[in-house]
Structure formats: C-alpha cells, structure tokens
C-alpha atoms as a PDB file:
ATOM      1  CA  MET A   1    -117.505  51.519 -61.744  1.00  0.00           C
ATOM      2  CA  GLU A   2    -115.625  54.766 -61.335  1.00  0.00           C
ATOM      3  CA  GLY A   3    -117.418  58.065 -61.712  1.00  0.00           C
ATOM      4  CA  HIS A   4    -115.905  60.608 -64.035  1.00  0.00           C
ATOM      5  CA  ALA A   5    -116.172  64.329 -63.610  1.00  0.00           C
ATOM      6  CA  ARG A   6    -118.098  66.055 -66.379  1.00  0.00           C
ATOM      7  CA  ARG A   7    -115.946  68.187 -68.614  1.00  0.00           C
ATOM      8  CA  TRP A   8    -117.813  71.299 -69.676  1.00  0.00           C
ATOM      9  CA  PHE A   9    -117.269  72.989 -73.005  1.00  0.00           C
ATOM     10  CA  THR A  10    -115.328  76.234 -72.983  1.00  0.00           C
ATOM     11  CA  PRO A  11    -116.852  79.206 -74.854  1.00  0.00           C
ATOM     12  CA  LYS A  12    -114.284  78.662 -77.600  1.00  0.00           C
ATOM     13  CA  GLN A  13    -115.256  74.998 -77.917  1.00  0.00           C
ATOM     14  CA  LYS A  14    -118.928  75.917 -78.050  1.00  0.00           C
ATOM     15  CA  ALA A  15    -118.279  78.390 -80.818  1.00  0.00           C
ATOM     16  CA  GLU A  16    -116.421  75.690 -82.753  1.00  0.00           C
ATOM     17  CA  LEU A  17    -119.207  73.238 -82.068  1.00  0.00           C
ATOM     18  CA  TRP A  18    -121.837  75.570 -83.524  1.00  0.00           C
ATOM     19  CA  GLU A  19    -119.648  76.357 -86.581  1.00  0.00           C
ATOM     20  CA  ARG A  20    -119.241  72.651 -87.258  1.00  0.00           C
ATOM     21  CA  TRP A  21    -122.962  72.113 -86.770  1.00  0.00           C
ATOM     22  CA  LYS A  22    -123.760  74.926 -89.288  1.00  0.00           C
ATOM     23  CA  SER A  23    -121.363  73.404 -91.794  1.00  0.00           C
ATOM     24  CA  GLY A  24    -123.287  70.104 -91.601  1.00  0.00           C
ATOM     25  CA  GLN A  25    -120.932  67.821 -89.677  1.00  0.00           C
ATOM     26  CA  CYS A  26    -122.449  64.871 -87.828  1.00  0.00           C
ATOM     27  CA  VAL A  27    -122.426  64.740 -84.021  1.00  0.00           C
ATOM     28  CA  ALA A  28    -119.894  61.894 -83.860  1.00  0.00           C
ATOM     29  CA  ASP A  29    -117.391  63.813 -86.021  1.00  0.00           C
ATOM     30  CA  MET A  30    -117.816  66.909 -83.919  1.00  0.00           C
ATOM     31  CA  ALA A  31    -117.183  64.924 -80.721  1.00  0.00           C
ATOM     32  CA  ARG A  32    -113.980  63.509 -82.211  1.00  0.00           C
ATOM     33  CA  ALA A  33    -112.770  66.950 -83.329  1.00  0.00           C
ATOM     34  CA  LEU A  34    -113.478  68.348 -79.846  1.00  0.00           C
ATOM     35  CA  GLU A  35    -111.614  65.417 -78.249  1.00  0.00           C
ATOM     36  CA  ARG A  36    -114.581  63.935 -76.444  1.00  0.00           C
ATOM     37  CA  ARG A  37    -114.910  60.256 -75.529  1.00  0.00           C
ATOM     38  CA  ASN A  38    -118.508  60.074 -76.712  1.00  0.00           C
ATOM     39  CA  LYS A  39    -121.055  62.224 -78.510  1.00  0.00           C
ATOM     40  CA  SER A  40    -123.513  62.661 -75.650  1.00  0.00           C
ATOM     41  CA  GLY A  41    -121.994  65.957 -74.462  1.00  0.00           C
ATOM     42  CA  VAL A  42    -122.140  67.436 -77.938  1.00  0.00           C
ATOM     43  CA  TYR A  43    -125.672  66.174 -78.339  1.00  0.00           C
ATOM     44  CA  ARG A  44    -126.654  67.671 -74.968  1.00  0.00           C
ATOM     45  CA  VAL A  45    -125.470  71.183 -76.061  1.00  0.00           C
ATOM     46  CA  LEU A  46    -127.247  70.912 -79.404  1.00  0.00           C
ATOM     47  CA  ALA A  47    -130.499  69.555 -77.961  1.00  0.00           C
ATOM     48  CA  GLY A  48    -130.542  72.052 -75.134  1.00  0.00           C
ATOM     49  CA  ASN A  49    -130.773  74.853 -77.684  1.00  0.00           C
ATOM     50  CA  GLY A  50    -132.979  73.019 -80.148  1.00  0.00           C
ATOM     51  CA  GLY A  51    -130.237  72.874 -82.764  1.00  0.00           C
ATOM     52  CA  ILE A  52    -130.138  76.674 -83.061  1.00  0.00           C
ATOM     53  CA  ALA A  53    -127.054  78.535 -81.983  1.00  0.00           C
ATOM     54  CA  PRO A  54    -127.871  80.935 -79.133  1.00  0.00           C
ATOM     55  CA  ALA A  55    -127.339  84.671 -79.658  1.00  0.00           C
ATOM     56  CA  PRO A  56    -124.203  86.081 -78.048  1.00  0.00           C
ATOM     57  CA  ARG A  57    -124.917  87.449 -74.587  1.00  0.00           C
ATOM     58  CA  ARG A  58    -124.892  91.190 -74.071  1.00  0.00           C
ATOM     59  CA  ARG A  59    -125.680  93.422 -71.129  1.00  0.00           C
ATOM     60  CA  ALA A  60    -128.858  95.415 -71.406  1.00  0.00           C
ATOM     61  CA  LEU A  61    -128.440  99.050 -72.378  1.00  0.00           C
ATOM     62  CA  GLY A  62    -130.192 100.124 -69.184  1.00  0.00           C
ATOM     63  CA  ALA A  63    -127.893  98.104 -66.910  1.00  0.00           C
ATOM     64  CA  LEU A  64    -125.497 100.089 -64.766  1.00  0.00           C
ATOM     65  CA  ARG A  65    -121.836  99.899 -65.641  1.00  0.00           C
ATOM     66  CA  LEU A  66    -119.126  99.293 -63.040  1.00  0.00           C
ATOM     67  CA  GLU A  67    -118.036 102.948 -63.148  1.00  0.00           C
ATOM     68  CA  GLU A  68    -121.606 104.054 -62.391  1.00  0.00           C
ATOM     69  CA  ARG A  69    -121.841 101.629 -59.445  1.00  0.00           C
ATOM     70  CA  GLU A  70    -118.622 103.024 -58.056  1.00  0.00           C
ATOM     71  CA  GLU A  71    -119.919 106.568 -58.429  1.00  0.00           C
ATOM     72  CA  ILE A  72    -123.068 105.607 -56.505  1.00  0.00           C
ATOM     73  CA  SER A  73    -120.881 104.157 -53.751  1.00  0.00           C
ATOM     74  CA  ARG A  74    -118.787 107.348 -53.611  1.00  0.00           C
ATOM     75  CA  GLY A  75    -121.921 109.482 -53.537  1.00  0.00           C
ATOM     76  CA  ILE A  76    -123.349 107.566 -50.574  1.00  0.00           C
ATOM     77  CA  ALA A  77    -120.032 107.833 -48.726  1.00  0.00           C
ATOM     78  CA  ALA A  78    -119.981 111.619 -49.412  1.00  0.00           C
ATOM     79  CA  GLY A  79    -123.506 111.930 -48.024  1.00  0.00           C
ATOM     80  CA  ARG A  80    -125.192 112.985 -51.268  1.00  0.00           C
ATOM     81  CA  SER A  81    -128.897 112.342 -51.825  1.00  0.00           C
ATOM     82  CA  ILE A  82    -130.181 109.755 -54.299  1.00  0.00           C
ATOM     83  CA  ARG A  83    -131.503 112.519 -56.528  1.00  0.00           C
ATOM     84  CA  ARG A  84    -128.186 114.317 -56.657  1.00  0.00           C
ATOM     85  CA  ILE A  85    -126.315 111.068 -57.403  1.00  0.00           C
ATOM     86  CA  ALA A  86    -128.818 110.291 -60.157  1.00  0.00           C
ATOM     87  CA  GLN A  87    -128.441 113.775 -61.616  1.00  0.00           C
ATOM     88  CA  GLY A  88    -124.674 113.346 -61.804  1.00  0.00           C
ATOM     89  CA  LEU A  89    -125.066 109.999 -63.597  1.00  0.00           C
ATOM     90  CA  GLU A  90    -127.883 111.251 -65.835  1.00  0.00           C
ATOM     91  CA  ARG A  91    -129.984 108.300 -64.597  1.00  0.00           C
ATOM     92  CA  SER A  92    -133.371 108.004 -62.950  1.00  0.00           C
ATOM     93  CA  PRO A  93    -133.421 108.285 -59.146  1.00  0.00           C
ATOM     94  CA  SER A  94    -135.355 105.000 -59.068  1.00  0.00           C
ATOM     95  CA  THR A  95    -132.458 103.293 -60.843  1.00  0.00           C
ATOM     96  CA  VAL A  96    -130.001 104.567 -58.255  1.00  0.00           C
ATOM     97  CA  SER A  97    -132.344 103.594 -55.433  1.00  0.00           C
ATOM     98  CA  ARG A  98    -132.782 100.097 -56.854  1.00  0.00           C
ATOM     99  CA  GLU A  99    -129.024  99.643 -57.169  1.00  0.00           C
ATOM    100  CA  ILE A 100    -128.573 100.711 -53.523  1.00  0.00           C
ATOM    101  CA  SER A 101    -131.258  98.268 -52.431  1.00  0.00           C
ATOM    102  CA  VAL A 102    -129.775  95.410 -54.386  1.00  0.00           C
ATOM    103  CA  THR A 103    -126.255  96.095 -53.155  1.00  0.00           C
ATOM    104  CA  ALA A 104    -127.445  96.486 -49.559  1.00  0.00           C
ATOM    105  CA  ALA A 105    -129.474  93.292 -49.794  1.00  0.00           C
ATOM    106  CA  ALA A 106    -126.338  91.386 -50.830  1.00  0.00           C
ATOM    107  CA  ALA A 107    -124.823  92.185 -47.406  1.00  0.00           C
ATOM    108  CA  PRO A 108    -127.692  91.685 -44.955  1.00  0.00           C
ATOM    109  CA  THR A 109    -125.384  91.707 -41.927  1.00  0.00           C
ATOM    110  CA  ALA A 110    -124.490  95.372 -42.444  1.00  0.00           C
ATOM    111  CA  PRO A 111    -126.304  97.620 -40.016  1.00  0.00           C
ATOM    112  CA  ALA A 112    -128.707 100.117 -41.555  1.00  0.00           C
ATOM    113  CA  ARG A 113    -126.829 103.134 -40.190  1.00  0.00           C
ATOM    114  CA  LEU A 114    -123.827 102.406 -42.454  1.00  0.00           C
ATOM    115  CA  ILE A 115    -125.840 103.365 -45.507  1.00  0.00           C
ATOM    116  CA  SER A 116    -127.454 106.487 -44.116  1.00  0.00           C
ATOM    117  CA  ALA A 117    -125.991 109.853 -44.935  1.00  0.00           C
ATOM    118  CA  PRO A 118    -123.614 111.266 -42.317  1.00  0.00           C
ATOM    119  CA  GLY A 119    -124.560 114.448 -40.486  1.00  0.00           C
ATOM    120  CA  GLY A 120    -128.294 113.759 -40.445  1.00  0.00           C
ATOM    121  CA  GLY A 121    -128.778 114.467 -44.168  1.00  0.00           C
ATOM    122  CA  HIS A 122    -131.026 112.514 -46.505  1.00  0.00           C
ATOM    123  CA  CYS A 123    -131.264 108.915 -45.381  1.00  0.00           C
ATOM    124  CA  VAL A 124    -130.910 106.229 -48.045  1.00  0.00           C
ATOM    125  CA  GLN A 125    -133.757 103.837 -47.371  1.00  0.00           C
ATOM    126  CA  SER A 126    -133.246 100.228 -48.362  1.00  0.00           C
ATOM    127  CA  LEU A 127    -134.090  96.688 -47.547  1.00  0.00           C
ATOM    128  CA  VAL A 128    -131.206  96.490 -45.138  1.00  0.00           C
ATOM    129  CA  ALA A 129    -133.156  98.384 -42.493  1.00  0.00           C
ATOM    130  CA  TRP A 130    -135.537  95.480 -41.843  1.00  0.00           C
ATOM    131  CA  ARG A 131    -133.247  92.658 -42.933  1.00  0.00           C
ATOM    132  CA  ALA A 132    -130.609  93.736 -40.415  1.00  0.00           C
ATOM    133  CA  MET A 133    -133.086  93.637 -37.546  1.00  0.00           C
ATOM    134  CA  PRO A 134    -132.397  90.710 -35.202  1.00  0.00           C
ATOM    135  CA  SER A 135    -136.064  89.761 -35.105  1.00  0.00           C
ATOM    136  CA  TYR A 136    -136.354  89.304 -38.886  1.00  0.00           C
ATOM    137  CA  ASP A 137    -136.573  85.656 -39.844  1.00  0.00           C
ATOM    138  CA  GLY A 138    -137.670  85.950 -43.480  1.00  0.00           C
ATOM    139  CA  ALA A 139    -140.887  84.034 -42.828  1.00  0.00           C
ATOM    140  CA  SER A 140    -142.979  87.009 -41.809  1.00  0.00           C
ATOM    141  CA  ARG A 141    -143.299  88.309 -45.397  1.00  0.00           C
ATOM    142  CA  ARG A 142    -143.994  84.869 -46.848  1.00  0.00           C
ATOM    143  CA  SER A 143    -146.600  83.866 -44.247  1.00  0.00           C
ATOM    144  CA  SER A 144    -149.501  85.799 -45.804  1.00  0.00           C
ATOM    145  CA  CYS A 145    -151.787  84.006 -48.246  1.00  0.00           C
ATOM    146  CA  SER A 146    -150.841  84.816 -51.825  1.00  0.00           C
ATOM    147  CA  SER A 147    -154.476  85.139 -52.946  1.00  0.00           C
ATOM    148  CA  GLY A 148    -155.233  87.769 -50.340  1.00  0.00           C
ATOM    149  CA  ARG A 149    -158.102  85.814 -48.792  1.00  0.00           C
ATOM    150  CA  ARG A 150    -158.345  85.052 -45.132  1.00  0.00           C
ATOM    151  CA  SER A 151    -157.399  81.671 -43.853  1.00  0.00           C
ATOM    152  CA  ARG A 152    -160.225  79.194 -43.226  1.00  0.00           C
ATOM    153  CA  SER A 153    -158.408  77.408 -40.449  1.00  0.00           C
ATOM    154  CA  LEU A 154    -159.775  77.439 -36.914  1.00  0.00           C
ATOM    155  CA  ALA A 155    -156.605  79.015 -35.635  1.00  0.00           C
ATOM    156  CA  GLY A 156    -156.916  82.211 -37.494  1.00  0.00           C
END
C-alpha cells in the first residue's frame, strides 16, 4: 500500500470550510466542495476546534513591530544604552532588554563582545554571555532539583 502525503488546508480553504459549516452543510458535502478524497481531513479540522471557528490571529498590542526591532538593532550598533533606546521607542527598558536577550539567544554562537557597546560604554547584558562560553553544556541549569530540596542520594 502506497503512502500518500497529507494535503493541508490553505487559510482560504479553512475560511471556506468554516463558512460552509456555519451554513449547515454536512461534512461529506464540504469535503467534495473542497476537492478532498474523503471527509476525514474536514472532520479533523472541525473536531480540533470543537466545531467552533477559531478567532482570527492577531499580534498582541504590546508586541514589538519590525521597525522597532530594527531601531533596537541600530541603537546597539551605535552604542546607545538600553534606557536611551527605550526612550526613543517610548517603550519600557525591560521590553528592550528582553528583545535583546531573545535575539541574542537565537544566535548562541555569537561572542558576547559583539553585543556590548563600543568604546567601553554601557554593556548590554544578555544570555549570550554565558551561552557563548565553551564550558556551557545546558545541563548545569537543569541539574538542580525543581522543588529546592537537597538530594537524598548518597552521592550528594
């Protein structure tokens, strides 16, 4: 028996599927209208959402826009402090710091000195400093007991 690749619904097809579902069409008719071999794919989309059309996705109002991310990048390259960059964007310094940390964490191979301000100015602290260290293996932070209690083993 040959395996067939699963064909996913495009956003346009999903919108049509939900309109047909709202109008009261049966699953088999919807599958035929969407040119599907069987109704299981249509049923999977409907059942996965409990028969209720999901709300359209939107970015949160507090999320940084692309222009703001670029401005943060330019500010770091120019050697400005986090507070000055945040002031220019009319955002909280913690928001700018978090964006720098997330962006720096996405490229753990970059040395920490690339994100510090040139000329010995304010240094942008981030996760890269310890992730870029050759001795970091990722296990050192996860090795402690989550409950905070000491281990009962004989070893330690």
